[in-house]
Each structure stands twice: as structure tokens, then as C-alpha cells.
Amino acid sequence: MTKKWWIVGAIVVVLVALGVTVGPWAYGKFIAESDAPAATVSTSGAQAATTDNIDGTWTIVPGDEANTTAAGYTVDEVLNGAEVTVVGSTTDVSGEVTIENDTVTAGEVLVTTDSITTDNDRRDGQFRGNIFETATYPTATFAFDSPVDLSSIPDDGTTTTVTAEGTLTLKDQSRPVSVEMEVLQSGDTLIASGSIPTTWADFGIEPPSLGFVTVEDSGSVDFLISLNSE
């Protein structure tokens, strides 16, 4: 425990001893913390490309200790008077992408919604039940609608940014979206990440307002996928 938190603890003890309620300001100042941002492409440890031909079918590798695949959401909320950013994620992601002449011609990313978690079990219970109804809507998807030119991907382990037009489906509600994707070819693996700005009501999702917590009307759907060629 750092000296700072010893001091904070002493302040709280004194307030309690004096019968003072530790209210929302104190909660927001000393206790509530925002989550780390959603994972994105990293060039740390990246290797030069092992091939200059990326045509073929590429399959998403589910996340584990060996790769970085993950997807989920980011949203701001006010919790007990404190503004915090919440990031929910899962490594249970699947799908595939078809590339022809260095161009994505088709592809879909599927996310298992009931496996999305944050650092709070109560929040996750609300997400699975009242908010997303994961028993009824077990997957969320993003499908490519237009060709995406990947010919600009460097072969030296650095990244490029491309724009993808597609359809995002949440709770069986589908909407056209545009997403800036950062793409890396490292060795024989393609890695891509993106963040899709999302207004929850567009997908029939009602952000909760429960008195002690209020969730913003918009946020983002985030993904980081690793793909291997078949």
C-alpha cells in the first residue's frame, strides 16, 4: 500500500469517527477508477511478414495466452456520483475473413455475449439479464459489406489503417457502421483492431439508470482479432 493510500485511509477513518458520511465526492476522488482501455493492435514483439501473399481464407483464433483476440464494449457511467469508464470483454470470438487480390471480399466476426465480463459481477449480471438478454441473443456480429483494400499493409512489422464498411448486429438489430481498423501482419498472422461508436438505443438496448448508477446513452463496440490462414 502506497503512502498516498495510507493518507486516504486515515482521512476516511477520521471522517467516520466524526460521524461524517463518505459521500459521492469522496467515492469519486479516492475509490472509483476507470478501466484500462480496450485492447488494440500492438507492435511490441511484431515480426516481419513471412509471405507477401495474403490471399485466402483467414480464421479468427480464439483468445488465450498465445494470442490477443478479444471483443466487447466500452461505456461511461456514473457510479455513486463518480464518473468512470467501464470496459467489458471476452476472448470467446470466432469467424473468418476471405481475401482476394489483397482485398477483403467477405468476412464476419462473432462474439459470444454471455461470456463478456467486467470487474464487477453485479454489473455483468445486469448485462446478461436486463440489458442484453444474452440467453435470447447469444451472439453479436460484425459483417463486412464492402471490399477493404489491404495492399498497404507493411511487411516490416508495422501497422496501417484502413476503413471498413459493415453491418453491426446487437440483439438481432442490424445497423450499417463504418470503422477505422488498425492492421498488422506479423509473421504469418494478421491482427486487426477497431472501435465502433455505438448509440445503444439504435439496437434496442436501454442503458440502466438505477439511482446509484447511470449509464451513458452511447459508447463503443471494440474488437482485437488475430487471424491465421487456412
C-alpha atoms as a PDB file:
ATOM      1  CA  MET A   1       0.000   0.000   0.000  1.00  0.00           C
ATOM      2  CA  THR A   2       1.452   3.354  -1.027  1.00  0.00           C
ATOM      3  CA  LYS A   3       1.820   6.358   1.230  1.00  0.00           C
ATOM      4  CA  LYS A   4      -0.967   8.068  -0.687  1.00  0.00           C
ATOM      5  CA  TRP A   5      -3.453   5.364   0.156  1.00  0.00           C
ATOM      6  CA  TRP A   6      -2.323   5.341   3.805  1.00  0.00           C
ATOM      7  CA  ILE A   7      -3.213   9.042   3.856  1.00  0.00           C
ATOM      8  CA  VAL A   8      -6.563   8.424   2.119  1.00  0.00           C
ATOM      9  CA  GLY A   9      -7.364   5.652   4.585  1.00  0.00           C
ATOM     10  CA  ALA A  10      -6.547   7.926   7.502  1.00  0.00           C
ATOM     11  CA  ILE A  11      -8.846  10.633   6.132  1.00  0.00           C
ATOM     12  CA  VAL A  12     -11.731   8.176   5.755  1.00  0.00           C
ATOM     13  CA  VAL A  13     -11.191   6.830   9.277  1.00  0.00           C
ATOM     14  CA  VAL A  14     -11.269  10.361  10.679  1.00  0.00           C
ATOM     15  CA  LEU A  15     -14.462  11.184   8.771  1.00  0.00           C
ATOM     16  CA  VAL A  16     -16.160   8.040  10.032  1.00  0.00           C
ATOM     17  CA  ALA A  17     -15.007   8.760  13.589  1.00  0.00           C
ATOM     18  CA  LEU A  18     -16.569  12.219  13.336  1.00  0.00           C
ATOM     19  CA  GLY A  19     -19.812  10.743  12.027  1.00  0.00           C
ATOM     20  CA  VAL A  20     -19.360  12.257   8.599  1.00  0.00           C
ATOM     21  CA  THR A  21     -20.769  10.312   5.640  1.00  0.00           C
ATOM     22  CA  VAL A  22     -18.235   9.467   2.970  1.00  0.00           C
ATOM     23  CA  GLY A  23     -20.347  10.686   0.070  1.00  0.00           C
ATOM     24  CA  PRO A  24     -20.136  10.621  -3.730  1.00  0.00           C
ATOM     25  CA  TRP A  25     -17.316  13.198  -3.869  1.00  0.00           C
ATOM     26  CA  ALA A  26     -15.078  11.100  -1.649  1.00  0.00           C
ATOM     27  CA  TYR A  27     -16.038   7.951  -3.564  1.00  0.00           C
ATOM     28  CA  GLY A  28     -15.173   9.574  -6.878  1.00  0.00           C
ATOM     29  CA  LYS A  29     -11.979  11.165  -5.575  1.00  0.00           C
ATOM     30  CA  PHE A  30     -10.437   8.211  -3.763  1.00  0.00           C
ATOM     31  CA  ILE A  31     -12.190   4.931  -4.685  1.00  0.00           C
ATOM     32  CA  ALA A  32     -13.717   4.759  -8.178  1.00  0.00           C
ATOM     33  CA  GLU A  33     -11.298   4.062 -11.027  1.00  0.00           C
ATOM     34  CA  SER A  34     -11.819   3.765 -14.768  1.00  0.00           C
ATOM     35  CA  ASP A  35     -10.913   0.519 -16.509  1.00  0.00           C
ATOM     36  CA  ALA A  36      -7.931   0.241 -18.816  1.00  0.00           C
ATOM     37  CA  PRO A  37      -8.865   0.962 -22.453  1.00  0.00           C
ATOM     38  CA  ALA A  38      -9.942  -1.899 -24.708  1.00  0.00           C
ATOM     39  CA  ALA A  39      -7.045  -3.819 -26.248  1.00  0.00           C
ATOM     40  CA  THR A  40      -5.721  -2.647 -29.619  1.00  0.00           C
ATOM     41  CA  VAL A  41      -3.045  -3.765 -32.068  1.00  0.00           C
ATOM     42  CA  SER A  42       0.428  -3.625 -30.568  1.00  0.00           C
ATOM     43  CA  THR A  43       3.678  -3.810 -32.493  1.00  0.00           C
ATOM     44  CA  SER A  44       5.569  -4.982 -29.416  1.00  0.00           C
ATOM     45  CA  GLY A  45       7.318  -8.197 -30.456  1.00  0.00           C
ATOM     46  CA  ALA A  46       5.965  -7.959 -34.017  1.00  0.00           C
ATOM     47  CA  GLN A  47       7.882  -9.792 -36.728  1.00  0.00           C
ATOM     48  CA  ALA A  48       8.389  -9.128 -40.402  1.00  0.00           C
ATOM     49  CA  ALA A  49       5.827 -10.784 -42.668  1.00  0.00           C
ATOM     50  CA  THR A  50       6.734 -14.298 -43.749  1.00  0.00           C
ATOM     51  CA  THR A  51       4.806 -14.031 -47.035  1.00  0.00           C
ATOM     52  CA  ASP A  52       3.792 -11.314 -49.483  1.00  0.00           C
ATOM     53  CA  ASN A  53       0.663 -13.250 -50.498  1.00  0.00           C
ATOM     54  CA  ILE A  54      -2.229 -12.817 -48.065  1.00  0.00           C
ATOM     55  CA  ASP A  55      -4.934 -14.166 -50.379  1.00  0.00           C
ATOM     56  CA  GLY A  56      -7.071 -16.972 -48.975  1.00  0.00           C
ATOM     57  CA  THR A  57      -9.353 -17.704 -46.046  1.00  0.00           C
ATOM     58  CA  TRP A  58      -8.242 -16.410 -42.658  1.00  0.00           C
ATOM     59  CA  THR A  59      -9.782 -17.802 -39.461  1.00  0.00           C
ATOM     60  CA  ILE A  60     -10.042 -15.922 -36.177  1.00  0.00           C
ATOM     61  CA  VAL A  61      -8.081 -17.631 -33.420  1.00  0.00           C
ATOM     62  CA  PRO A  62      -9.988 -17.506 -30.085  1.00  0.00           C
ATOM     63  CA  GLY A  63      -8.130 -15.555 -27.425  1.00  0.00           C
ATOM     64  CA  ASP A  64      -5.822 -17.319 -24.983  1.00  0.00           C
ATOM     65  CA  GLU A  65      -2.343 -16.827 -23.551  1.00  0.00           C
ATOM     66  CA  ALA A  66      -0.838 -17.342 -27.008  1.00  0.00           C
ATOM     67  CA  ASN A  67      -2.766 -14.630 -28.898  1.00  0.00           C
ATOM     68  CA  THR A  68      -4.594 -11.372 -28.377  1.00  0.00           C
ATOM     69  CA  THR A  69      -8.122 -11.925 -29.682  1.00  0.00           C
ATOM     70  CA  ALA A  70     -10.803 -10.119 -27.635  1.00  0.00           C
ATOM     71  CA  ALA A  71     -14.017  -8.154 -28.161  1.00  0.00           C
ATOM     72  CA  GLY A  72     -16.568  -6.302 -26.069  1.00  0.00           C
ATOM     73  CA  TYR A  73     -17.783  -2.818 -25.220  1.00  0.00           C
ATOM     74  CA  THR A  74     -16.723   0.475 -23.666  1.00  0.00           C
ATOM     75  CA  VAL A  75     -19.169   2.787 -21.899  1.00  0.00           C
ATOM     76  CA  ASP A  76     -19.079   5.665 -19.435  1.00  0.00           C
ATOM     77  CA  GLU A  77     -21.200   5.503 -16.310  1.00  0.00           C
ATOM     78  CA  VAL A  78     -21.816   7.492 -13.150  1.00  0.00           C
ATOM     79  CA  LEU A  79     -21.423   5.144 -10.185  1.00  0.00           C
ATOM     80  CA  ASN A  80     -22.292   6.521  -6.743  1.00  0.00           C
ATOM     81  CA  GLY A  81     -21.592  10.010  -8.040  1.00  0.00           C
ATOM     82  CA  ALA A  82     -18.259   9.119  -9.659  1.00  0.00           C
ATOM     83  CA  GLU A  83     -17.685   9.213 -13.425  1.00  0.00           C
ATOM     84  CA  VAL A  84     -15.921   6.046 -14.583  1.00  0.00           C
ATOM     85  CA  THR A  85     -15.236   4.281 -17.877  1.00  0.00           C
ATOM     86  CA  VAL A  86     -16.202   0.609 -17.989  1.00  0.00           C
ATOM     87  CA  VAL A  87     -14.703  -1.921 -20.403  1.00  0.00           C
ATOM     88  CA  GLY A  88     -16.317  -5.346 -20.826  1.00  0.00           C
ATOM     89  CA  SER A  89     -14.574  -8.005 -22.887  1.00  0.00           C
ATOM     90  CA  THR A  90     -14.373 -11.655 -23.842  1.00  0.00           C
ATOM     91  CA  THR A  91     -11.874 -13.848 -25.660  1.00  0.00           C
ATOM     92  CA  ASP A  92     -14.704 -16.054 -26.987  1.00  0.00           C
ATOM     93  CA  VAL A  93     -14.594 -14.666 -30.529  1.00  0.00           C
ATOM     94  CA  SER A  94     -14.843 -16.564 -33.817  1.00  0.00           C
ATOM     95  CA  GLY A  95     -15.274 -16.003 -37.551  1.00  0.00           C
ATOM     96  CA  GLU A  96     -13.307 -15.805 -40.759  1.00  0.00           C
ATOM     97  CA  VAL A  97     -12.272 -13.391 -43.491  1.00  0.00           C
ATOM     98  CA  THR A  98     -11.786 -14.036 -47.205  1.00  0.00           C
ATOM     99  CA  ILE A  99      -9.054 -12.097 -49.021  1.00  0.00           C
ATOM    100  CA  GLU A 100      -8.698 -11.964 -52.807  1.00  0.00           C
ATOM    101  CA  ASN A 101      -6.131  -9.820 -54.632  1.00  0.00           C
ATOM    102  CA  ASP A 102      -5.105  -8.208 -51.324  1.00  0.00           C
ATOM    103  CA  THR A 103      -8.722  -7.198 -50.689  1.00  0.00           C
ATOM    104  CA  VAL A 104     -11.194  -8.376 -48.073  1.00  0.00           C
ATOM    105  CA  THR A 105     -14.169  -9.622 -50.064  1.00  0.00           C
ATOM    106  CA  ALA A 106     -16.196 -11.198 -47.240  1.00  0.00           C
ATOM    107  CA  GLY A 107     -15.962 -11.813 -43.544  1.00  0.00           C
ATOM    108  CA  GLU A 108     -17.750 -11.962 -40.223  1.00  0.00           C
ATOM    109  CA  VAL A 109     -16.780 -11.627 -36.561  1.00  0.00           C
ATOM    110  CA  LEU A 110     -18.967 -13.411 -33.969  1.00  0.00           C
ATOM    111  CA  VAL A 111     -18.830 -12.661 -30.243  1.00  0.00           C
ATOM    112  CA  THR A 112     -20.388 -14.860 -27.533  1.00  0.00           C
ATOM    113  CA  THR A 113     -22.239 -12.274 -25.464  1.00  0.00           C
ATOM    114  CA  ASP A 114     -22.777 -14.164 -22.197  1.00  0.00           C
ATOM    115  CA  SER A 115     -19.007 -14.506 -21.802  1.00  0.00           C
ATOM    116  CA  ILE A 116     -18.429 -10.731 -21.757  1.00  0.00           C
ATOM    117  CA  THR A 117     -17.267  -9.663 -18.296  1.00  0.00           C
ATOM    118  CA  THR A 118     -16.052  -6.619 -16.383  1.00  0.00           C
ATOM    119  CA  ASP A 119     -14.537  -6.428 -12.904  1.00  0.00           C
ATOM    120  CA  ASN A 120     -17.994  -6.352 -11.288  1.00  0.00           C
ATOM    121  CA  ASP A 121     -20.257  -9.419 -11.022  1.00  0.00           C
ATOM    122  CA  ARG A 122     -23.378  -7.334 -10.337  1.00  0.00           C
ATOM    123  CA  ARG A 123     -22.794  -5.260 -13.464  1.00  0.00           C
ATOM    124  CA  ASP A 124     -22.238  -8.424 -15.506  1.00  0.00           C
ATOM    125  CA  GLY A 125     -25.463  -9.929 -14.166  1.00  0.00           C
ATOM    126  CA  GLN A 126     -27.379  -6.843 -15.296  1.00  0.00           C
ATOM    127  CA  PHE A 127     -25.729  -7.021 -18.715  1.00  0.00           C
ATOM    128  CA  ARG A 128     -26.599 -10.686 -19.239  1.00  0.00           C
ATOM    129  CA  GLY A 129     -30.138 -10.284 -17.942  1.00  0.00           C
ATOM    130  CA  ASN A 130     -31.940  -6.975 -18.316  1.00  0.00           C
ATOM    131  CA  ILE A 131     -29.640  -5.162 -20.736  1.00  0.00           C
ATOM    132  CA  PHE A 132     -28.550  -7.612 -23.446  1.00  0.00           C
ATOM    133  CA  GLU A 133     -30.666 -10.677 -22.609  1.00  0.00           C
ATOM    134  CA  THR A 134     -27.844 -12.994 -23.609  1.00  0.00           C
ATOM    135  CA  ALA A 135     -29.951 -16.147 -23.207  1.00  0.00           C
ATOM    136  CA  THR A 136     -32.113 -14.876 -26.079  1.00  0.00           C
ATOM    137  CA  TYR A 137     -29.349 -13.113 -28.030  1.00  0.00           C
ATOM    138  CA  PRO A 138     -26.234 -15.258 -27.505  1.00  0.00           C
ATOM    139  CA  THR A 139     -24.089 -13.623 -30.194  1.00  0.00           C
ATOM    140  CA  ALA A 140     -23.197 -10.205 -31.528  1.00  0.00           C
ATOM    141  CA  THR A 141     -21.756  -9.917 -35.038  1.00  0.00           C
ATOM    142  CA  PHE A 142     -19.936  -7.622 -37.407  1.00  0.00           C
ATOM    143  CA  ALA A 143     -20.039  -8.470 -41.133  1.00  0.00           C
ATOM    144  CA  PHE A 144     -18.068  -6.785 -43.899  1.00  0.00           C
ATOM    145  CA  ASP A 145     -20.329  -5.209 -46.524  1.00  0.00           C
ATOM    146  CA  SER A 146     -17.788  -3.678 -48.915  1.00  0.00           C
ATOM    147  CA  PRO A 147     -14.313  -4.603 -50.151  1.00  0.00           C
ATOM    148  CA  VAL A 148     -11.413  -3.480 -47.945  1.00  0.00           C
ATOM    149  CA  ASP A 149      -8.077  -2.841 -49.644  1.00  0.00           C
ATOM    150  CA  LEU A 150      -5.207  -4.361 -47.633  1.00  0.00           C
ATOM    151  CA  SER A 151      -2.455  -3.779 -50.174  1.00  0.00           C
ATOM    152  CA  SER A 152      -0.964  -1.049 -47.975  1.00  0.00           C
ATOM    153  CA  ILE A 153      -0.143  -3.428 -45.084  1.00  0.00           C
ATOM    154  CA  PRO A 154       3.619  -3.102 -44.419  1.00  0.00           C
ATOM    155  CA  ASP A 155       5.758  -6.234 -44.384  1.00  0.00           C
ATOM    156  CA  ASP A 156       8.144  -4.970 -41.700  1.00  0.00           C
ATOM    157  CA  GLY A 157       6.025  -5.491 -38.586  1.00  0.00           C
ATOM    158  CA  THR A 158       4.458  -2.022 -38.578  1.00  0.00           C
ATOM    159  CA  THR A 159       0.768  -1.150 -38.988  1.00  0.00           C
ATOM    160  CA  THR A 160      -1.543   0.584 -41.407  1.00  0.00           C
ATOM    161  CA  THR A 161      -5.084   1.938 -41.005  1.00  0.00           C
ATOM    162  CA  VAL A 162      -7.968   1.043 -43.310  1.00  0.00           C
ATOM    163  CA  THR A 163     -11.679   1.838 -43.300  1.00  0.00           C
ATOM    164  CA  ALA A 164     -14.221  -0.986 -43.252  1.00  0.00           C
ATOM    165  CA  GLU A 165     -17.912  -0.633 -44.011  1.00  0.00           C
ATOM    166  CA  GLY A 166     -20.101  -3.297 -42.468  1.00  0.00           C
ATOM    167  CA  THR A 167     -23.173  -4.320 -40.527  1.00  0.00           C
ATOM    168  CA  LEU A 168     -23.177  -4.500 -36.733  1.00  0.00           C
ATOM    169  CA  THR A 169     -25.834  -6.724 -35.164  1.00  0.00           C
ATOM    170  CA  LEU A 170     -26.702  -6.478 -31.464  1.00  0.00           C
ATOM    171  CA  LYS A 171     -29.829  -8.138 -30.009  1.00  0.00           C
ATOM    172  CA  ASP A 172     -30.878  -9.092 -33.560  1.00  0.00           C
ATOM    173  CA  GLN A 173     -30.939  -5.403 -34.554  1.00  0.00           C
ATOM    174  CA  SER A 174     -28.655  -4.709 -37.536  1.00  0.00           C
ATOM    175  CA  ARG A 175     -27.277  -1.300 -38.469  1.00  0.00           C
ATOM    176  CA  PRO A 176     -24.678  -0.140 -41.054  1.00  0.00           C
ATOM    177  CA  VAL A 177     -21.442   1.080 -39.472  1.00  0.00           C
ATOM    178  CA  SER A 178     -18.045   2.354 -40.503  1.00  0.00           C
ATOM    179  CA  VAL A 179     -14.907   1.511 -38.544  1.00  0.00           C
ATOM    180  CA  GLU A 180     -11.273   2.557 -38.770  1.00  0.00           C
ATOM    181  CA  MET A 181      -9.203  -0.620 -38.400  1.00  0.00           C
ATOM    182  CA  GLU A 182      -5.528  -0.787 -37.500  1.00  0.00           C
ATOM    183  CA  VAL A 183      -3.989  -3.807 -39.242  1.00  0.00           C
ATOM    184  CA  LEU A 184      -0.690  -5.599 -38.666  1.00  0.00           C
ATOM    185  CA  GLN A 185       0.898  -8.554 -40.429  1.00  0.00           C
ATOM    186  CA  SER A 186       3.308 -10.233 -38.018  1.00  0.00           C
ATOM    187  CA  GLY A 187       4.965 -13.376 -39.304  1.00  0.00           C
ATOM    188  CA  ASP A 188       2.142 -15.493 -40.714  1.00  0.00           C
ATOM    189  CA  THR A 189      -0.588 -13.820 -38.617  1.00  0.00           C
ATOM    190  CA  LEU A 190      -2.919 -10.929 -39.414  1.00  0.00           C
ATOM    191  CA  ILE A 191      -4.014  -8.797 -36.454  1.00  0.00           C
ATOM    192  CA  ALA A 192      -6.685  -6.083 -36.607  1.00  0.00           C
ATOM    193  CA  SER A 193      -8.424  -3.842 -34.099  1.00  0.00           C
ATOM    194  CA  GLY A 194     -11.175  -1.256 -34.210  1.00  0.00           C
ATOM    195  CA  SER A 195     -13.690   0.657 -32.121  1.00  0.00           C
ATOM    196  CA  ILE A 196     -17.212   1.196 -33.468  1.00  0.00           C
ATOM    197  CA  PRO A 197     -19.062   4.230 -31.985  1.00  0.00           C
ATOM    198  CA  THR A 198     -22.460   2.946 -30.905  1.00  0.00           C
ATOM    199  CA  THR A 199     -25.718   4.508 -29.719  1.00  0.00           C
ATOM    200  CA  TRP A 200     -27.332   1.764 -27.641  1.00  0.00           C
ATOM    201  CA  ALA A 201     -30.948   2.719 -28.408  1.00  0.00           C
ATOM    202  CA  ASP A 202     -30.298   2.072 -32.117  1.00  0.00           C
ATOM    203  CA  PHE A 203     -30.072  -1.617 -31.191  1.00  0.00           C
ATOM    204  CA  GLY A 204     -32.960  -1.751 -28.724  1.00  0.00           C
ATOM    205  CA  ILE A 205     -30.580  -1.595 -25.756  1.00  0.00           C
ATOM    206  CA  GLU A 206     -31.735   0.538 -22.831  1.00  0.00           C
ATOM    207  CA  PRO A 207     -28.862   1.723 -20.626  1.00  0.00           C
ATOM    208  CA  PRO A 208     -29.738   1.222 -16.952  1.00  0.00           C
ATOM    209  CA  SER A 209     -30.481   4.076 -14.582  1.00  0.00           C
ATOM    210  CA  LEU A 210     -30.773   2.551 -11.111  1.00  0.00           C
ATOM    211  CA  GLY A 211     -30.212   5.504  -8.827  1.00  0.00           C
ATOM    212  CA  PHE A 212     -26.722   4.520  -7.731  1.00  0.00           C
ATOM    213  CA  VAL A 213     -25.590   4.016 -11.329  1.00  0.00           C
ATOM    214  CA  THR A 214     -26.445   5.733 -14.620  1.00  0.00           C
ATOM    215  CA  VAL A 215     -25.023   4.532 -17.926  1.00  0.00           C
ATOM    216  CA  GLU A 216     -24.414   6.847 -20.890  1.00  0.00           C
ATOM    217  CA  ASP A 217     -26.604   6.504 -24.000  1.00  0.00           C
ATOM    218  CA  SER A 218     -23.638   5.759 -26.265  1.00  0.00           C
ATOM    219  CA  GLY A 219     -20.292   4.038 -26.152  1.00  0.00           C
ATOM    220  CA  SER A 220     -18.382   1.722 -28.454  1.00  0.00           C
ATOM    221  CA  VAL A 221     -18.113  -1.877 -29.562  1.00  0.00           C
ATOM    222  CA  ASP A 222     -14.443  -2.883 -29.618  1.00  0.00           C
ATOM    223  CA  PHE A 223     -12.502  -5.752 -31.157  1.00  0.00           C
ATOM    224  CA  LEU A 224      -8.964  -7.063 -31.478  1.00  0.00           C
ATOM    225  CA  ILE A 225      -8.672 -10.169 -33.631  1.00  0.00           C
ATOM    226  CA  SER A 226      -5.828 -12.470 -34.597  1.00  0.00           C
ATOM    227  CA  LEU A 227      -6.262 -14.485 -37.803  1.00  0.00           C
ATOM    228  CA  ASN A 228      -4.402 -17.455 -39.237  1.00  0.00           C
ATOM    229  CA  SER A 229      -4.532 -18.537 -42.856  1.00  0.00           C
ATOM    230  CA  GLU A 230      -6.098 -21.933 -43.598  1.00  0.00           C
END
